[in-house]
Amino acid sequence: MYNSCREIKESILFEILSGYRYRNGERVDTIRECAYRWKVNPNTVHKLYKYMCDKGILNTQIGKGTYLTQDVALIESFRLDIAHYLIMNLHRKLSDLNCTDKEIVEMISFYIKT
């Protein structure tokens, strides 16, 4: 299903940041609920939640749960940082396949138009 722990973390992170499953300020799944749903070790989810808490994206309230921040600007900034990271990695991988920058731009432009 997933090739790496990184892919699992990215999928969970995307789910949280996309706004599709959770709204700002809303309680997110517990670590166990998330681990069960994604069929991963709870330690994997714990590390991701801790990382997101350290960044201020999630806030844990003892006895109440973990909540997505209400800070829209923080979420947007974090989302854009992730997007830049993904584009940088895509560019590196396509360059490793000997694709020129021009070819990469053409490929991306094709998918943006469709």
PDB file of N, CA and C in Angstrom:
ATOM      1  N   MET A   1       0.817  -1.187   0.000  1.00  0.00           N
ATOM      2  CA  MET A   1       0.000   0.000   0.000  1.00  0.00           C
ATOM      3  C   MET A   1       0.868   1.260   0.000  1.00  0.00           C
ATOM      4  N   TYR A   2       1.738   1.425   0.999  1.00  0.00           N
ATOM      5  CA  TYR A   2       2.652   2.564   1.063  1.00  0.00           C
ATOM      6  C   TYR A   2       4.075   2.038   0.971  1.00  0.00           C
ATOM      7  N   ASN A   3       4.945   2.826   0.358  1.00  0.00           N
ATOM      8  CA  ASN A   3       6.327   2.406   0.201  1.00  0.00           C
ATOM      9  C   ASN A   3       7.186   2.779   1.393  1.00  0.00           C
ATOM     10  N   SER A   4       6.756   3.752   2.166  1.00  0.00           N
ATOM     11  CA  SER A   4       7.611   4.190   3.260  1.00  0.00           C
ATOM     12  C   SER A   4       6.794   4.866   4.349  1.00  0.00           C
ATOM     13  N   CYS A   5       7.423   4.990   5.483  1.00  0.00           N
ATOM     14  CA  CYS A   5       6.836   5.707   6.608  1.00  0.00           C
ATOM     15  C   CYS A   5       6.575   7.158   6.199  1.00  0.00           C
ATOM     16  N   ARG A   6       7.453   7.720   5.378  1.00  0.00           N
ATOM     17  CA  ARG A   6       7.292   9.099   4.912  1.00  0.00           C
ATOM     18  C   ARG A   6       5.984   9.260   4.136  1.00  0.00           C
ATOM     19  N   GLU A   7       5.655   8.295   3.274  1.00  0.00           N
ATOM     20  CA  GLU A   7       4.418   8.378   2.495  1.00  0.00           C
ATOM     21  C   GLU A   7       3.192   8.340   3.395  1.00  0.00           C
ATOM     22  N   ILE A   8       3.246   7.518   4.433  1.00  0.00           N
ATOM     23  CA  ILE A   8       2.136   7.431   5.376  1.00  0.00           C
ATOM     24  C   ILE A   8       1.976   8.773   6.086  1.00  0.00           C
ATOM     25  N   LYS A   9       3.087   9.306   6.581  1.00  0.00           N
ATOM     26  CA  LYS A   9       3.036  10.595   7.283  1.00  0.00           C
ATOM     27  C   LYS A   9       2.533  11.693   6.366  1.00  0.00           C
ATOM     28  N   GLU A  10       2.996  11.706   5.118  1.00  0.00           N
ATOM     29  CA  GLU A  10       2.537  12.721   4.166  1.00  0.00           C
ATOM     30  C   GLU A  10       1.036  12.600   3.927  1.00  0.00           C
ATOM     31  N   SER A  11       0.536  11.381   3.812  1.00  0.00           N
ATOM     32  CA  SER A  11      -0.892  11.178   3.570  1.00  0.00           C
ATOM     33  C   SER A  11      -1.733  11.682   4.742  1.00  0.00           C
ATOM     34  N   ILE A  12      -1.298  11.379   5.951  1.00  0.00           N
ATOM     35  CA  ILE A  12      -2.019  11.847   7.133  1.00  0.00           C
ATOM     36  C   ILE A  12      -1.927  13.368   7.232  1.00  0.00           C
ATOM     37  N   LEU A  13      -0.748  13.896   6.982  1.00  0.00           N
ATOM     38  CA  LEU A  13      -0.546  15.342   7.018  1.00  0.00           C
ATOM     39  C   LEU A  13      -1.430  16.047   6.000  1.00  0.00           C
ATOM     40  N   PHE A  14      -1.486  15.520   4.786  1.00  0.00           N
ATOM     41  CA  PHE A  14      -2.339  16.106   3.747  1.00  0.00           C
ATOM     42  C   PHE A  14      -3.800  16.076   4.165  1.00  0.00           C
ATOM     43  N   GLU A  15      -4.212  14.967   4.766  1.00  0.00           N
ATOM     44  CA  GLU A  15      -5.597  14.846   5.203  1.00  0.00           C
ATOM     45  C   GLU A  15      -5.932  15.930   6.231  1.00  0.00           C
ATOM     46  N   ILE A  16      -5.022  16.170   7.145  1.00  0.00           N
ATOM     47  CA  ILE A  16      -5.265  17.168   8.185  1.00  0.00           C
ATOM     48  C   ILE A  16      -5.246  18.581   7.615  1.00  0.00           C
ATOM     49  N   LEU A  17      -4.296  18.873   6.735  1.00  0.00           N
ATOM     50  CA  LEU A  17      -4.131  20.229   6.223  1.00  0.00           C
ATOM     51  C   LEU A  17      -5.065  20.596   5.079  1.00  0.00           C
ATOM     52  N   SER A  18      -5.635  19.607   4.428  1.00  0.00           N
ATOM     53  CA  SER A  18      -6.453  19.885   3.238  1.00  0.00           C
ATOM     54  C   SER A  18      -7.770  20.567   3.569  1.00  0.00           C
ATOM     55  N   GLY A  19      -8.230  20.424   4.809  1.00  0.00           N
ATOM     56  CA  GLY A  19      -9.525  20.976   5.164  1.00  0.00           C
ATOM     57  C   GLY A  19     -10.659  20.042   4.784  1.00  0.00           C
ATOM     58  N   TYR A  20     -10.330  18.930   4.154  1.00  0.00           N
ATOM     59  CA  TYR A  20     -11.345  17.982   3.721  1.00  0.00           C
ATOM     60  C   TYR A  20     -11.962  17.240   4.915  1.00  0.00           C
ATOM     61  N   ARG A  21     -11.120  16.801   5.824  1.00  0.00           N
ATOM     62  CA  ARG A  21     -11.608  15.998   6.956  1.00  0.00           C
ATOM     63  C   ARG A  21     -11.838  16.834   8.210  1.00  0.00           C
ATOM     64  N   TYR A  22     -11.004  17.841   8.413  1.00  0.00           N
ATOM     65  CA  TYR A  22     -11.082  18.650   9.636  1.00  0.00           C
ATOM     66  C   TYR A  22     -11.151  20.133   9.287  1.00  0.00           C
ATOM     67  N   ARG A  23     -11.878  20.871  10.094  1.00  0.00           N
ATOM     68  CA  ARG A  23     -11.929  22.327   9.963  1.00  0.00           C
ATOM     69  C   ARG A  23     -11.036  22.932  11.052  1.00  0.00           C
ATOM     70  N   ASN A  24     -10.616  24.158  10.832  1.00  0.00           N
ATOM     71  CA  ASN A  24      -9.775  24.841  11.814  1.00  0.00           C
ATOM     72  C   ASN A  24     -10.445  24.831  13.184  1.00  0.00           C
ATOM     73  N   GLY A  25      -9.656  24.483  14.201  1.00  0.00           N
ATOM     74  CA  GLY A  25     -10.157  24.449  15.564  1.00  0.00           C
ATOM     75  C   GLY A  25     -10.860  23.156  15.941  1.00  0.00           C
ATOM     76  N   GLU A  26     -11.029  22.272  14.985  1.00  0.00           N
ATOM     77  CA  GLU A  26     -11.759  21.025  15.227  1.00  0.00           C
ATOM     78  C   GLU A  26     -10.841  19.953  15.809  1.00  0.00           C
ATOM     79  N   ARG A  27     -11.428  19.088  16.617  1.00  0.00           N
ATOM     80  CA  ARG A  27     -10.692  17.972  17.198  1.00  0.00           C
ATOM     81  C   ARG A  27     -10.333  16.978  16.104  1.00  0.00           C
ATOM     82  N   VAL A  28      -9.081  16.532  16.095  1.00  0.00           N
ATOM     83  CA  VAL A  28      -8.637  15.519  15.139  1.00  0.00           C
ATOM     84  C   VAL A  28      -8.706  14.152  15.813  1.00  0.00           C
ATOM     85  N   ASP A  29      -8.590  13.099  15.016  1.00  0.00           N
ATOM     86  CA  ASP A  29      -8.619  11.745  15.563  1.00  0.00           C
ATOM     87  C   ASP A  29      -7.543  11.570  16.623  1.00  0.00           C
ATOM     88  N   THR A  30      -7.820  10.699  17.584  1.00  0.00           N
ATOM     89  CA  THR A  30      -6.784  10.331  18.537  1.00  0.00           C
ATOM     90  C   THR A  30      -5.682   9.593  17.780  1.00  0.00           C
ATOM     91  N   ILE A  31      -4.553   9.453  18.419  1.00  0.00           N
ATOM     92  CA  ILE A  31      -3.447   8.724  17.797  1.00  0.00           C
ATOM     93  C   ILE A  31      -3.883   7.298  17.463  1.00  0.00           C
ATOM     94  N   ARG A  32      -4.575   6.667  18.382  1.00  0.00           N
ATOM     95  CA  ARG A  32      -5.018   5.283  18.143  1.00  0.00           C
ATOM     96  C   ARG A  32      -6.030   5.203  17.012  1.00  0.00           C
ATOM     97  N   GLU A  33      -6.980   6.143  16.993  1.00  0.00           N
ATOM     98  CA  GLU A  33      -7.985   6.143  15.919  1.00  0.00           C
ATOM     99  C   GLU A  33      -7.317   6.333  14.559  1.00  0.00           C
ATOM    100  N   CYS A  34      -6.393   7.266  14.498  1.00  0.00           N
ATOM    101  CA  CYS A  34      -5.692   7.546  13.243  1.00  0.00           C
ATOM    102  C   CYS A  34      -4.852   6.332  12.818  1.00  0.00           C
ATOM    103  N   ALA A  35      -4.135   5.747  13.765  1.00  0.00           N
ATOM    104  CA  ALA A  35      -3.301   4.573  13.460  1.00  0.00           C
ATOM    105  C   ALA A  35      -4.161   3.410  12.969  1.00  0.00           C
ATOM    106  N   TYR A  36      -5.301   3.216  13.594  1.00  0.00           N
ATOM    107  CA  TYR A  36      -6.196   2.131  13.189  1.00  0.00           C
ATOM    108  C   TYR A  36      -6.725   2.364  11.775  1.00  0.00           C
ATOM    109  N   ARG A  37      -7.169   3.596  11.523  1.00  0.00           N
ATOM    110  CA  ARG A  37      -7.753   3.916  10.213  1.00  0.00           C
ATOM    111  C   ARG A  37      -6.725   3.779   9.097  1.00  0.00           C
ATOM    112  N   TRP A  38      -5.482   4.180   9.359  1.00  0.00           N
ATOM    113  CA  TRP A  38      -4.430   4.125   8.333  1.00  0.00           C
ATOM    114  C   TRP A  38      -3.655   2.812   8.376  1.00  0.00           C
ATOM    115  N   LYS A  39      -3.976   1.959   9.352  1.00  0.00           N
ATOM    116  CA  LYS A  39      -3.307   0.657   9.494  1.00  0.00           C
ATOM    117  C   LYS A  39      -1.793   0.805   9.643  1.00  0.00           C
ATOM    118  N   VAL A  40      -1.428   1.696  10.585  1.00  0.00           N
ATOM    119  CA  VAL A  40      -0.017   1.940  10.869  1.00  0.00           C
ATOM    120  C   VAL A  40       0.213   1.839  12.372  1.00  0.00           C
ATOM    121  N   ASN A  41       1.462   1.780  12.741  1.00  0.00           N
ATOM    122  CA  ASN A  41       1.850   1.737  14.139  1.00  0.00           C
ATOM    123  C   ASN A  41       1.509   3.071  14.803  1.00  0.00           C
ATOM    124  N   PRO A  42       0.930   3.060  15.990  1.00  0.00           N
ATOM    125  CA  PRO A  42       0.624   4.315  16.678  1.00  0.00           C
ATOM    126  C   PRO A  42       1.843   5.221  16.892  1.00  0.00           C
ATOM    127  N   ASN A  43       3.024   4.617  17.007  1.00  0.00           N
ATOM    128  CA  ASN A  43       4.239   5.434  17.159  1.00  0.00           C
ATOM    129  C   ASN A  43       4.470   6.334  15.949  1.00  0.00           C
ATOM    130  N   THR A  44       4.107   5.858  14.767  1.00  0.00           N
ATOM    131  CA  THR A  44       4.244   6.656  13.549  1.00  0.00           C
ATOM    132  C   THR A  44       3.362   7.894  13.633  1.00  0.00           C
ATOM    133  N   VAL A  45       2.123   7.702  14.055  1.00  0.00           N
ATOM    134  CA  VAL A  45       1.179   8.818  14.180  1.00  0.00           C
ATOM    135  C   VAL A  45       1.621   9.740  15.312  1.00  0.00           C
ATOM    136  N   HIS A  46       2.081   9.154  16.414  1.00  0.00           N
ATOM    137  CA  HIS A  46       2.538   9.969  17.549  1.00  0.00           C
ATOM    138  C   HIS A  46       3.657  10.918  17.120  1.00  0.00           C
ATOM    139  N   LYS A  47       4.621  10.413  16.374  1.00  0.00           N
ATOM    140  CA  LYS A  47       5.731  11.254  15.905  1.00  0.00           C
ATOM    141  C   LYS A  47       5.224  12.386  15.013  1.00  0.00           C
ATOM    142  N   LEU A  48       4.283  12.074  14.145  1.00  0.00           N
ATOM    143  CA  LEU A  48       3.730  13.093  13.258  1.00  0.00           C
ATOM    144  C   LEU A  48       2.949  14.136  14.056  1.00  0.00           C
ATOM    145  N   TYR A  49       2.114  13.703  14.974  1.00  0.00           N
ATOM    146  CA  TYR A  49       1.347  14.634  15.801  1.00  0.00           C
ATOM    147  C   TYR A  49       2.294  15.514  16.628  1.00  0.00           C
ATOM    148  N   LYS A  50       3.347  14.926  17.173  1.00  0.00           N
ATOM    149  CA  LYS A  50       4.314  15.708  17.946  1.00  0.00           C
ATOM    150  C   LYS A  50       4.968  16.763  17.071  1.00  0.00           C
ATOM    151  N   TYR A  51       5.363  16.380  15.877  1.00  0.00           N
ATOM    152  CA  TYR A  51       5.960  17.325  14.927  1.00  0.00           C
ATOM    153  C   TYR A  51       4.990  18.468  14.638  1.00  0.00           C
ATOM    154  N   MET A  52       3.718  18.121  14.405  1.00  0.00           N
ATOM    155  CA  MET A  52       2.727  19.145  14.090  1.00  0.00           C
ATOM    156  C   MET A  52       2.407  20.015  15.312  1.00  0.00           C
ATOM    157  N   CYS A  53       2.470  19.449  16.498  1.00  0.00           N
ATOM    158  CA  CYS A  53       2.302  20.247  17.722  1.00  0.00           C
ATOM    159  C   CYS A  53       3.473  21.209  17.890  1.00  0.00           C
ATOM    160  N   ASP A  54       4.684  20.712  17.632  1.00  0.00           N
ATOM    161  CA  ASP A  54       5.874  21.570  17.723  1.00  0.00           C
ATOM    162  C   ASP A  54       5.790  22.744  16.758  1.00  0.00           C
ATOM    163  N   LYS A  55       5.166  22.534  15.600  1.00  0.00           N
ATOM    164  CA  LYS A  55       5.019  23.585  14.593  1.00  0.00           C
ATOM    165  C   LYS A  55       3.808  24.484  14.871  1.00  0.00           C
ATOM    166  N   GLY A  56       2.975  24.088  15.833  1.00  0.00           N
ATOM    167  CA  GLY A  56       1.803  24.884  16.169  1.00  0.00           C
ATOM    168  C   GLY A  56       0.568  24.558  15.348  1.00  0.00           C
ATOM    169  N   ILE A  57       0.658  23.538  14.501  1.00  0.00           N
ATOM    170  CA  ILE A  57      -0.469  23.156  13.647  1.00  0.00           C
ATOM    171  C   ILE A  57      -1.527  22.419  14.467  1.00  0.00           C
ATOM    172  N   LEU A  58      -1.085  21.573  15.380  1.00  0.00           N
ATOM    173  CA  LEU A  58      -1.986  20.873  16.285  1.00  0.00           C
ATOM    174  C   LEU A  58      -1.737  21.354  17.709  1.00  0.00           C
ATOM    175  N   ASN A  59      -2.780  21.334  18.510  1.00  0.00           N
ATOM    176  CA  ASN A  59      -2.683  21.695  19.924  1.00  0.00           C
ATOM    177  C   ASN A  59      -3.334  20.592  20.733  1.00  0.00           C
ATOM    178  N   THR A  60      -2.576  20.057  21.703  1.00  0.00           N
ATOM    179  CA  THR A  60      -3.108  19.003  22.545  1.00  0.00           C
ATOM    180  C   THR A  60      -3.589  19.599  23.856  1.00  0.00           C
ATOM    181  N   GLN A  61      -4.808  19.239  24.228  1.00  0.00           N
ATOM    182  CA  GLN A  61      -5.385  19.660  25.500  1.00  0.00           C
ATOM    183  C   GLN A  61      -5.603  18.397  26.329  1.00  0.00           C
ATOM    184  N   ILE A  62      -4.851  18.277  27.408  1.00  0.00           N
ATOM    185  CA  ILE A  62      -4.884  17.064  28.218  1.00  0.00           C
ATOM    186  C   ILE A  62      -6.320  16.778  28.665  1.00  0.00           C
ATOM    187  N   GLY A  63      -6.739  15.549  28.410  1.00  0.00           N
ATOM    188  CA  GLY A  63      -8.069  15.113  28.790  1.00  0.00           C
ATOM    189  C   GLY A  63      -9.164  15.499  27.805  1.00  0.00           C
ATOM    190  N   LYS A  64      -8.828  16.334  26.825  1.00  0.00           N
ATOM    191  CA  LYS A  64      -9.843  16.784  25.864  1.00  0.00           C
ATOM    192  C   LYS A  64      -9.558  16.315  24.442  1.00  0.00           C
ATOM    193  N   GLY A  65      -8.291  16.194  24.087  1.00  0.00           N
ATOM    194  CA  GLY A  65      -7.954  15.748  22.749  1.00  0.00           C
ATOM    195  C   GLY A  65      -6.968  16.671  22.056  1.00  0.00           C
ATOM    196  N   THR A  66      -6.786  16.422  20.773  1.00  0.00           N
ATOM    197  CA  THR A  66      -5.859  17.192  19.944  1.00  0.00           C
ATOM    198  C   THR A  66      -6.679  17.931  18.903  1.00  0.00           C
ATOM    199  N   TYR A  67      -6.363  19.206  18.715  1.00  0.00           N
ATOM    200  CA  TYR A  67      -7.155  20.079  17.851  1.00  0.00           C
ATOM    201  C   TYR A  67      -6.285  20.737  16.789  1.00  0.00           C
ATOM    202  N   LEU A  68      -6.867  20.929  15.632  1.00  0.00           N
ATOM    203  CA  LEU A  68      -6.225  21.674  14.562  1.00  0.00           C
ATOM    204  C   LEU A  68      -6.274  23.149  14.923  1.00  0.00           C
ATOM    205  N   THR A  69      -5.181  23.846  14.721  1.00  0.00           N
ATOM    206  CA  THR A  69      -5.124  25.262  15.059  1.00  0.00           C
ATOM    207  C   THR A  69      -6.205  26.053  14.319  1.00  0.00           C
ATOM    208  N   GLN A  70      -6.573  27.177  14.884  1.00  0.00           N
ATOM    209  CA  GLN A  70      -7.515  28.081  14.226  1.00  0.00           C
ATOM    210  C   GLN A  70      -6.770  29.159  13.438  1.00  0.00           C
ATOM    211  N   ASP A  71      -5.448  29.135  13.511  1.00  0.00           N
ATOM    212  CA  ASP A  71      -4.610  30.134  12.840  1.00  0.00           C
ATOM    213  C   ASP A  71      -4.505  29.811  11.348  1.00  0.00           C
ATOM    214  N   VAL A  72      -5.362  30.439  10.562  1.00  0.00           N
ATOM    215  CA  VAL A  72      -5.423  30.182   9.118  1.00  0.00           C
ATOM    216  C   VAL A  72      -4.094  30.521   8.442  1.00  0.00           C
ATOM    217  N   ALA A  73      -3.470  31.611   8.856  1.00  0.00           N
ATOM    218  CA  ALA A  73      -2.194  32.023   8.250  1.00  0.00           C
ATOM    219  C   ALA A  73      -1.103  30.991   8.508  1.00  0.00           C
ATOM    220  N   LEU A  74      -1.081  30.413   9.695  1.00  0.00           N
ATOM    221  CA  LEU A  74      -0.085  29.388  10.026  1.00  0.00           C
ATOM    222  C   LEU A  74      -0.294  28.137   9.176  1.00  0.00           C
ATOM    223  N   ILE A  75      -1.546  27.711   9.045  1.00  0.00           N
ATOM    224  CA  ILE A  75      -1.838  26.542   8.220  1.00  0.00           C
ATOM    225  C   ILE A  75      -1.446  26.807   6.770  1.00  0.00           C
ATOM    226  N   GLU A  76      -1.783  27.978   6.263  1.00  0.00           N
ATOM    227  CA  GLU A  76      -1.454  28.327   4.878  1.00  0.00           C
ATOM    228  C   GLU A  76       0.057  28.343   4.659  1.00  0.00           C
ATOM    229  N   SER A  77       0.786  28.925   5.587  1.00  0.00           N
ATOM    230  CA  SER A  77       2.247  28.978   5.489  1.00  0.00           C
ATOM    231  C   SER A  77       2.843  27.572   5.505  1.00  0.00           C
ATOM    232  N   PHE A  78       2.359  26.728   6.400  1.00  0.00           N
ATOM    233  CA  PHE A  78       2.841  25.358   6.503  1.00  0.00           C
ATOM    234  C   PHE A  78       2.502  24.576   5.240  1.00  0.00           C
ATOM    235  N   ARG A  79       1.291  24.773   4.728  1.00  0.00           N
ATOM    236  CA  ARG A  79       0.852  24.102   3.505  1.00  0.00           C
ATOM    237  C   ARG A  79       1.754  24.486   2.332  1.00  0.00           C
ATOM    238  N   LEU A  80       2.082  25.776   2.218  1.00  0.00           N
ATOM    239  CA  LEU A  80       2.947  26.234   1.129  1.00  0.00           C
ATOM    240  C   LEU A  80       4.378  25.716   1.283  1.00  0.00           C
ATOM    241  N   ASP A  81       4.854  25.629   2.521  1.00  0.00           N
ATOM    242  CA  ASP A  81       6.186  25.054   2.756  1.00  0.00           C
ATOM    243  C   ASP A  81       6.232  23.612   2.260  1.00  0.00           C
ATOM    244  N   ILE A  82       5.192  22.859   2.538  1.00  0.00           N
ATOM    245  CA  ILE A  82       5.125  21.465   2.091  1.00  0.00           C
ATOM    246  C   ILE A  82       5.066  21.411   0.568  1.00  0.00           C
ATOM    247  N   ALA A  83       4.279  22.302  -0.041  1.00  0.00           N
ATOM    248  CA  ALA A  83       4.172  22.331  -1.505  1.00  0.00           C
ATOM    249  C   ALA A  83       5.535  22.618  -2.138  1.00  0.00           C
ATOM    250  N   HIS A  84       6.280  23.565  -1.582  1.00  0.00           N
ATOM    251  CA  HIS A  84       7.615  23.863  -2.113  1.00  0.00           C
ATOM    252  C   HIS A  84       8.542  22.663  -1.979  1.00  0.00           C
ATOM    253  N   TYR A  85       8.454  21.979  -0.853  1.00  0.00           N
ATOM    254  CA  TYR A  85       9.267  20.788  -0.624  1.00  0.00           C
ATOM    255  C   TYR A  85       8.937  19.704  -1.660  1.00  0.00           C
ATOM    256  N   LEU A  86       7.647  19.506  -1.920  1.00  0.00           N
ATOM    257  CA  LEU A  86       7.236  18.492  -2.900  1.00  0.00           C
ATOM    258  C   LEU A  86       7.705  18.851  -4.305  1.00  0.00           C
ATOM    259  N   ILE A  87       7.593  20.113  -4.668  1.00  0.00           N
ATOM    260  CA  ILE A  87       8.041  20.544  -5.996  1.00  0.00           C
ATOM    261  C   ILE A  87       9.550  20.388  -6.127  1.00  0.00           C
ATOM    262  N   MET A  88      10.282  20.735  -5.072  1.00  0.00           N
ATOM    263  CA  MET A  88      11.738  20.585  -5.094  1.00  0.00           C
ATOM    264  C   MET A  88      12.116  19.113  -5.316  1.00  0.00           C
ATOM    265  N   ASN A  89      11.431  18.206  -4.608  1.00  0.00           N
ATOM    266  CA  ASN A  89      11.722  16.775  -4.766  1.00  0.00           C
ATOM    267  C   ASN A  89      11.320  16.268  -6.142  1.00  0.00           C
ATOM    268  N   LEU A  90      10.179  16.737  -6.653  1.00  0.00           N
ATOM    269  CA  LEU A  90       9.753  16.344  -7.995  1.00  0.00           C
ATOM    270  C   LEU A  90      10.790  16.799  -9.026  1.00  0.00           C
ATOM    271  N   HIS A  91      11.240  18.030  -8.894  1.00  0.00           N
ATOM    272  CA  HIS A  91      12.247  18.553  -9.829  1.00  0.00           C
ATOM    273  C   HIS A  91      13.530  17.725  -9.779  1.00  0.00           C
ATOM    274  N   ARG A  92      13.956  17.379  -8.561  1.00  0.00           N
ATOM    275  CA  ARG A  92      15.174  16.572  -8.409  1.00  0.00           C
ATOM    276  C   ARG A  92      15.011  15.209  -9.065  1.00  0.00           C
ATOM    277  N   LYS A  93      13.869  14.563  -8.832  1.00  0.00           N
ATOM    278  CA  LYS A  93      13.642  13.229  -9.398  1.00  0.00           C
ATOM    279  C   LYS A  93      13.544  13.269 -10.923  1.00  0.00           C
ATOM    280  N   LEU A  94      12.862  14.271 -11.452  1.00  0.00           N
ATOM    281  CA  LEU A  94      12.769  14.381 -12.914  1.00  0.00           C
ATOM    282  C   LEU A  94      14.119  14.734 -13.530  1.00  0.00           C
ATOM    283  N   SER A  95      14.894  15.542 -12.839  1.00  0.00           N
ATOM    284  CA  SER A  95      16.251  15.853 -13.319  1.00  0.00           C
ATOM    285  C   SER A  95      17.120  14.602 -13.326  1.00  0.00           C
ATOM    286  N   ASP A  96      16.926  13.752 -12.318  1.00  0.00           N
ATOM    287  CA  ASP A  96      17.659  12.478 -12.275  1.00  0.00           C
ATOM    288  C   ASP A  96      17.294  11.583 -13.459  1.00  0.00           C
ATOM    289  N   LEU A  97      16.091  11.789 -14.023  1.00  0.00           N
ATOM    290  CA  LEU A  97      15.668  11.052 -15.217  1.00  0.00           C
ATOM    291  C   LEU A  97      16.121  11.757 -16.501  1.00  0.00           C
ATOM    292  N   ASN A  98      16.993  12.750 -16.330  1.00  0.00           N
ATOM    293  CA  ASN A  98      17.533  13.540 -17.441  1.00  0.00           C
ATOM    294  C   ASN A  98      16.476  14.394 -18.152  1.00  0.00           C
ATOM    295  N   CYS A  99      15.425  14.767 -17.453  1.00  0.00           N
ATOM    296  CA  CYS A  99      14.454  15.712 -18.007  1.00  0.00           C
ATOM    297  C   CYS A  99      15.029  17.118 -17.861  1.00  0.00           C
ATOM    298  N   THR A 100      14.891  17.911 -18.890  1.00  0.00           N
ATOM    299  CA  THR A 100      15.354  19.291 -18.820  1.00  0.00           C
ATOM    300  C   THR A 100      14.312  20.124 -18.078  1.00  0.00           C
ATOM    301  N   ASP A 101      14.731  21.303 -17.619  1.00  0.00           N
ATOM    302  CA  ASP A 101      13.789  22.199 -16.949  1.00  0.00           C
ATOM    303  C   ASP A 101      12.635  22.554 -17.875  1.00  0.00           C
ATOM    304  N   LYS A 102      12.944  22.731 -19.154  1.00  0.00           N
ATOM    305  CA  LYS A 102      11.895  23.061 -20.122  1.00  0.00           C
ATOM    306  C   LYS A 102      10.873  21.923 -20.203  1.00  0.00           C
ATOM    307  N   GLU A 103      11.354  20.682 -20.253  1.00  0.00           N
ATOM    308  CA  GLU A 103      10.449  19.530 -20.312  1.00  0.00           C
ATOM    309  C   GLU A 103       9.597  19.437 -19.039  1.00  0.00           C
ATOM    310  N   ILE A 104      10.219  19.703 -17.908  1.00  0.00           N
ATOM    311  CA  ILE A 104       9.501  19.649 -16.637  1.00  0.00           C
ATOM    312  C   ILE A 104       8.386  20.696 -16.610  1.00  0.00           C
ATOM    313  N   VAL A 105       8.695  21.905 -17.041  1.00  0.00           N
ATOM    314  CA  VAL A 105       7.690  22.973 -17.080  1.00  0.00           C
ATOM    315  C   VAL A 105       6.555  22.591 -18.024  1.00  0.00           C
ATOM    316  N   GLU A 106       6.894  22.024 -19.185  1.00  0.00           N
ATOM    317  CA  GLU A 106       5.865  21.604 -20.141  1.00  0.00           C
ATOM    318  C   GLU A 106       4.963  20.521 -19.549  1.00  0.00           C
ATOM    319  N   MET A 107       5.561  19.558 -18.840  1.00  0.00           N
ATOM    320  CA  MET A 107       4.767  18.490 -18.231  1.00  0.00           C
ATOM    321  C   MET A 107       3.823  19.051 -17.169  1.00  0.00           C
ATOM    322  N   ILE A 108       4.350  19.900 -16.324  1.00  0.00           N
ATOM    323  CA  ILE A 108       3.517  20.480 -15.266  1.00  0.00           C
ATOM    324  C   ILE A 108       2.429  21.354 -15.870  1.00  0.00           C
ATOM    325  N   SER A 109       2.772  22.123 -16.873  1.00  0.00           N
ATOM    326  CA  SER A 109       1.776  22.978 -17.542  1.00  0.00           C
ATOM    327  C   SER A 109       0.650  22.149 -18.144  1.00  0.00           C
ATOM    328  N   PHE A 110       0.990  20.998 -18.696  1.00  0.00           N
ATOM    329  CA  PHE A 110      -0.019  20.116 -19.261  1.00  0.00           C
ATOM    330  C   PHE A 110      -1.052  19.707 -18.215  1.00  0.00           C
ATOM    331  N   TYR A 111      -0.580  19.349 -17.041  1.00  0.00           N
ATOM    332  CA  TYR A 111      -1.500  18.892 -16.005  1.00  0.00           C
ATOM    333  C   TYR A 111      -2.285  20.036 -15.367  1.00  0.00           C
ATOM    334  N   ILE A 112      -1.746  21.214 -15.380  1.00  0.00           N
ATOM    335  CA  ILE A 112      -2.470  22.362 -14.843  1.00  0.00           C
ATOM    336  C   ILE A 112      -3.616  22.732 -15.770  1.00  0.00           C
ATOM    337  N   LYS A 113      -3.432  22.564 -17.074  1.00  0.00           N
ATOM    338  CA  LYS A 113      -4.455  22.921 -18.054  1.00  0.00           C
ATOM    339  C   LYS A 113      -5.601  21.923 -18.087  1.00  0.00           C
ATOM    340  N   THR A 114      -5.346  20.661 -17.677  1.00  0.00           N
ATOM    341  CA  THR A 114      -6.382  19.635 -17.777  1.00  0.00           C
ATOM    342  C   THR A 114      -7.157  19.492 -16.497  1.00  0.00           C
TER     343      THR A 114
END
